[in-house]
Amino acid sequence: MAVVSVSMPDELLERIDQFADEHGYTGRSEVVREASRNLLGEFEDTRLEDRELMAIVTVLFDYETTTVEERMMHLRHEHESLVASNFHTHVGDRFCMELFVLEGELADISTFVGKIRATQDVLSVDYSVNPVDGFDPLSSQH
């Protein structure tokens, strides 16, 4: 097995170590391997391929990090054929929430969510994906 060096903030590393201890993992490598498998598999649901989908994407970031808000605006314009609606609001004293309603195919939604996740200083990204080409109880929430 290859050894990989990854840089991450001390706070995140502490959370990974605590998670490993609390959930019976042998160590942080096992947690990172499982998280990587889950992340890579998120958009590999073949039941959603070649279907018209709706996604709700919620992004949380600190009010002071205007670069995140600028990046969200650029993504909205870059993917205007995918973004059906967009909403920005303030949460508490120091946070902003950006909500995107997307309509499109799985690959495009995956690309959009990936670009948001790759944005520096984003605190959290949550999303749900549902088919709109006929109701299906199938729902992927993350």
C-alpha atoms as a PDB file:
ATOM      1  CA  MET A   1       0.000   0.000   0.000  1.00  0.00           C
ATOM      2  CA  ALA A   2       1.356   3.427  -0.947  1.00  0.00           C
ATOM      3  CA  VAL A   3       2.060   6.038   1.728  1.00  0.00           C
ATOM      4  CA  VAL A   4       0.639   9.495   0.966  1.00  0.00           C
ATOM      5  CA  SER A   5       1.428  12.766   2.696  1.00  0.00           C
ATOM      6  CA  VAL A   6      -1.524  15.137   3.092  1.00  0.00           C
ATOM      7  CA  SER A   7      -1.551  18.641   4.546  1.00  0.00           C
ATOM      8  CA  MET A   8      -4.523  19.645   6.703  1.00  0.00           C
ATOM      9  CA  PRO A   9      -5.282  22.077   9.500  1.00  0.00           C
ATOM     10  CA  ASP A  10      -4.482  20.875  13.029  1.00  0.00           C
ATOM     11  CA  GLU A  11      -8.144  21.217  14.022  1.00  0.00           C
ATOM     12  CA  LEU A  12      -9.239  18.809  11.277  1.00  0.00           C
ATOM     13  CA  LEU A  13      -6.533  16.319  12.202  1.00  0.00           C
ATOM     14  CA  GLU A  14      -7.659  16.436  15.834  1.00  0.00           C
ATOM     15  CA  ARG A  15     -11.266  15.794  14.728  1.00  0.00           C
ATOM     16  CA  ILE A  16     -10.141  12.807  12.623  1.00  0.00           C
ATOM     17  CA  ASP A  17      -8.167  11.351  15.544  1.00  0.00           C
ATOM     18  CA  GLN A  18     -11.114  11.834  17.904  1.00  0.00           C
ATOM     19  CA  PHE A  19     -13.489  10.266  15.359  1.00  0.00           C
ATOM     20  CA  ALA A  20     -11.157   7.273  14.977  1.00  0.00           C
ATOM     21  CA  ASP A  21     -11.032   6.766  18.745  1.00  0.00           C
ATOM     22  CA  GLU A  22     -14.786   7.150  19.240  1.00  0.00           C
ATOM     23  CA  HIS A  23     -15.751   4.829  16.386  1.00  0.00           C
ATOM     24  CA  GLY A  24     -13.195   2.049  16.800  1.00  0.00           C
ATOM     25  CA  TYR A  25     -10.950   2.767  13.815  1.00  0.00           C
ATOM     26  CA  THR A  26      -7.366   1.568  14.030  1.00  0.00           C
ATOM     27  CA  GLY A  27      -6.101   5.054  13.195  1.00  0.00           C
ATOM     28  CA  ARG A  28      -6.434   8.134  11.039  1.00  0.00           C
ATOM     29  CA  SER A  29      -5.324   6.323   7.870  1.00  0.00           C
ATOM     30  CA  GLU A  30      -8.346   4.033   8.083  1.00  0.00           C
ATOM     31  CA  VAL A  31     -10.669   7.037   8.525  1.00  0.00           C
ATOM     32  CA  VAL A  32      -9.116   8.864   5.563  1.00  0.00           C
ATOM     33  CA  ARG A  33      -9.320   5.741   3.345  1.00  0.00           C
ATOM     34  CA  GLU A  34     -13.003   5.238   4.146  1.00  0.00           C
ATOM     35  CA  ALA A  35     -13.803   8.935   3.666  1.00  0.00           C
ATOM     36  CA  SER A  36     -11.994   8.887   0.302  1.00  0.00           C
ATOM     37  CA  ARG A  37     -13.921   5.824  -0.882  1.00  0.00           C
ATOM     38  CA  ASN A  38     -17.203   7.443   0.162  1.00  0.00           C
ATOM     39  CA  LEU A  39     -16.381  10.735  -1.546  1.00  0.00           C
ATOM     40  CA  LEU A  40     -15.345   9.035  -4.784  1.00  0.00           C
ATOM     41  CA  GLY A  41     -18.462   6.847  -4.764  1.00  0.00           C
ATOM     42  CA  GLU A  42     -20.986   9.614  -4.053  1.00  0.00           C
ATOM     43  CA  PHE A  43     -21.856  10.281  -7.665  1.00  0.00           C
ATOM     44  CA  GLU A  44     -21.440   6.748  -8.989  1.00  0.00           C
ATOM     45  CA  ASP A  45     -25.063   5.708  -8.441  1.00  0.00           C
ATOM     46  CA  THR A  46     -25.985   4.109 -11.772  1.00  0.00           C
ATOM     47  CA  ARG A  47     -29.704   4.468 -10.929  1.00  0.00           C
ATOM     48  CA  LEU A  48     -29.273   8.238 -11.375  1.00  0.00           C
ATOM     49  CA  GLU A  49     -27.302   8.165 -14.627  1.00  0.00           C
ATOM     50  CA  ASP A  50     -29.003   9.398 -17.783  1.00  0.00           C
ATOM     51  CA  ARG A  51     -31.858  10.936 -15.786  1.00  0.00           C
ATOM     52  CA  GLU A  52     -32.991  14.500 -15.337  1.00  0.00           C
ATOM     53  CA  LEU A  53     -32.155  15.423 -11.750  1.00  0.00           C
ATOM     54  CA  MET A  54     -32.795  18.179  -9.246  1.00  0.00           C
ATOM     55  CA  ALA A  55     -30.221  18.957  -6.570  1.00  0.00           C
ATOM     56  CA  ILE A  56     -30.235  21.250  -3.571  1.00  0.00           C
ATOM     57  CA  VAL A  57     -26.752  22.380  -2.536  1.00  0.00           C
ATOM     58  CA  THR A  58     -26.171  24.303   0.695  1.00  0.00           C
ATOM     59  CA  VAL A  59     -22.849  26.039   1.352  1.00  0.00           C
ATOM     60  CA  LEU A  60     -21.805  27.617   4.657  1.00  0.00           C
ATOM     61  CA  PHE A  61     -18.892  30.014   5.016  1.00  0.00           C
ATOM     62  CA  ASP A  62     -17.623  32.768   7.288  1.00  0.00           C
ATOM     63  CA  TYR A  63     -18.958  36.237   6.516  1.00  0.00           C
ATOM     64  CA  GLU A  64     -15.416  37.655   6.518  1.00  0.00           C
ATOM     65  CA  THR A  65     -14.223  35.418   3.669  1.00  0.00           C
ATOM     66  CA  THR A  66     -15.491  37.449   0.736  1.00  0.00           C
ATOM     67  CA  THR A  67     -13.433  35.327  -1.652  1.00  0.00           C
ATOM     68  CA  VAL A  68     -15.893  32.458  -1.047  1.00  0.00           C
ATOM     69  CA  GLU A  69     -18.871  34.646  -1.919  1.00  0.00           C
ATOM     70  CA  GLU A  70     -17.083  35.824  -5.064  1.00  0.00           C
ATOM     71  CA  ARG A  71     -16.320  32.210  -6.018  1.00  0.00           C
ATOM     72  CA  MET A  72     -19.985  31.246  -5.527  1.00  0.00           C
ATOM     73  CA  MET A  73     -21.014  34.103  -7.847  1.00  0.00           C
ATOM     74  CA  HIS A  74     -18.524  32.946 -10.495  1.00  0.00           C
ATOM     75  CA  LEU A  75     -19.730  29.338 -10.241  1.00  0.00           C
ATOM     76  CA  ARG A  76     -23.350  30.477 -10.571  1.00  0.00           C
ATOM     77  CA  HIS A  77     -22.502  32.300 -13.817  1.00  0.00           C
ATOM     78  CA  GLU A  78     -20.167  29.603 -15.103  1.00  0.00           C
ATOM     79  CA  HIS A  79     -22.951  27.000 -14.688  1.00  0.00           C
ATOM     80  CA  GLU A  80     -25.974  29.166 -15.444  1.00  0.00           C
ATOM     81  CA  SER A  81     -27.618  26.422 -17.522  1.00  0.00           C
ATOM     82  CA  LEU A  82     -27.459  24.128 -14.455  1.00  0.00           C
ATOM     83  CA  VAL A  83     -28.401  26.643 -11.723  1.00  0.00           C
ATOM     84  CA  ALA A  84     -32.184  27.021 -11.652  1.00  0.00           C
ATOM     85  CA  SER A  85     -32.150  29.218  -8.553  1.00  0.00           C
ATOM     86  CA  ASN A  86     -29.747  30.686  -6.031  1.00  0.00           C
ATOM     87  CA  PHE A  87     -30.327  32.177  -2.582  1.00  0.00           C
ATOM     88  CA  HIS A  88     -27.902  33.946  -0.238  1.00  0.00           C
ATOM     89  CA  THR A  89     -28.600  34.713   3.416  1.00  0.00           C
ATOM     90  CA  HIS A  90     -26.810  35.512   6.654  1.00  0.00           C
ATOM     91  CA  VAL A  91     -26.854  32.961   9.452  1.00  0.00           C
ATOM     92  CA  GLY A  92     -26.037  34.139  12.950  1.00  0.00           C
ATOM     93  CA  ASP A  93     -23.520  36.911  13.459  1.00  0.00           C
ATOM     94  CA  ARG A  94     -20.717  35.691  11.241  1.00  0.00           C
ATOM     95  CA  PHE A  95     -21.846  33.146   8.685  1.00  0.00           C
ATOM     96  CA  CYS A  96     -23.323  33.203   5.196  1.00  0.00           C
ATOM     97  CA  MET A  97     -25.311  30.455   3.555  1.00  0.00           C
ATOM     98  CA  GLU A  98     -25.534  30.003  -0.178  1.00  0.00           C
ATOM     99  CA  LEU A  99     -28.274  27.710  -1.473  1.00  0.00           C
ATOM    100  CA  PHE A 100     -28.327  26.455  -5.049  1.00  0.00           C
ATOM    101  CA  VAL A 101     -31.168  24.646  -6.811  1.00  0.00           C
ATOM    102  CA  LEU A 102     -29.728  22.711  -9.747  1.00  0.00           C
ATOM    103  CA  GLU A 103     -31.455  20.955 -12.625  1.00  0.00           C
ATOM    104  CA  GLY A 104     -29.388  18.717 -14.860  1.00  0.00           C
ATOM    105  CA  GLU A 105     -27.534  15.447 -15.206  1.00  0.00           C
ATOM    106  CA  LEU A 106     -25.472  13.630 -12.605  1.00  0.00           C
ATOM    107  CA  ALA A 107     -22.086  14.448 -14.145  1.00  0.00           C
ATOM    108  CA  ASP A 108     -22.839  18.189 -14.233  1.00  0.00           C
ATOM    109  CA  ILE A 109     -24.140  18.220 -10.656  1.00  0.00           C
ATOM    110  CA  SER A 110     -21.084  16.260  -9.524  1.00  0.00           C
ATOM    111  CA  THR A 111     -18.762  18.758 -11.210  1.00  0.00           C
ATOM    112  CA  PHE A 112     -20.567  21.705  -9.607  1.00  0.00           C
ATOM    113  CA  VAL A 113     -20.473  20.195  -6.099  1.00  0.00           C
ATOM    114  CA  GLY A 114     -16.809  19.296  -6.572  1.00  0.00           C
ATOM    115  CA  LYS A 115     -15.918  22.868  -7.481  1.00  0.00           C
ATOM    116  CA  ILE A 116     -17.711  24.154  -4.379  1.00  0.00           C
ATOM    117  CA  ARG A 117     -15.914  21.626  -2.178  1.00  0.00           C
ATOM    118  CA  ALA A 118     -12.606  22.685  -3.680  1.00  0.00           C
ATOM    119  CA  THR A 119     -13.238  26.324  -2.742  1.00  0.00           C
ATOM    120  CA  GLN A 120     -10.887  27.396   0.015  1.00  0.00           C
ATOM    121  CA  ASP A 121     -12.527  28.516   3.299  1.00  0.00           C
ATOM    122  CA  VAL A 122     -15.890  26.809   2.678  1.00  0.00           C
ATOM    123  CA  LEU A 123     -16.987  25.449   6.058  1.00  0.00           C
ATOM    124  CA  SER A 124     -19.548  22.890   4.893  1.00  0.00           C
ATOM    125  CA  VAL A 125     -21.270  21.617   1.764  1.00  0.00           C
ATOM    126  CA  ASP A 126     -24.463  19.560   1.949  1.00  0.00           C
ATOM    127  CA  TYR A 127     -26.609  18.390  -0.938  1.00  0.00           C
ATOM    128  CA  SER A 128     -29.448  16.135  -1.949  1.00  0.00           C
ATOM    129  CA  VAL A 129     -30.181  14.755  -5.421  1.00  0.00           C
ATOM    130  CA  ASN A 130     -33.566  13.542  -6.701  1.00  0.00           C
ATOM    131  CA  PRO A 131     -34.853  12.540 -10.131  1.00  0.00           C
ATOM    132  CA  VAL A 132     -37.422  14.875 -11.691  1.00  0.00           C
ATOM    133  CA  ASP A 133     -38.242  12.686 -14.693  1.00  0.00           C
ATOM    134  CA  GLY A 134     -40.867  10.812 -12.712  1.00  0.00           C
ATOM    135  CA  PHE A 135     -40.992  10.464  -8.951  1.00  0.00           C
ATOM    136  CA  ASP A 136     -38.756   7.770  -7.571  1.00  0.00           C
ATOM    137  CA  PRO A 137     -38.361   7.108  -3.858  1.00  0.00           C
ATOM    138  CA  LEU A 138     -34.646   6.902  -4.556  1.00  0.00           C
ATOM    139  CA  SER A 139     -32.956   9.835  -2.875  1.00  0.00           C
ATOM    140  CA  SER A 140     -29.281  10.522  -2.280  1.00  0.00           C
ATOM    141  CA  GLN A 141     -28.637  12.863   0.607  1.00  0.00           C
ATOM    142  CA  HIS A 142     -25.193  13.904   1.837  1.00  0.00           C
END
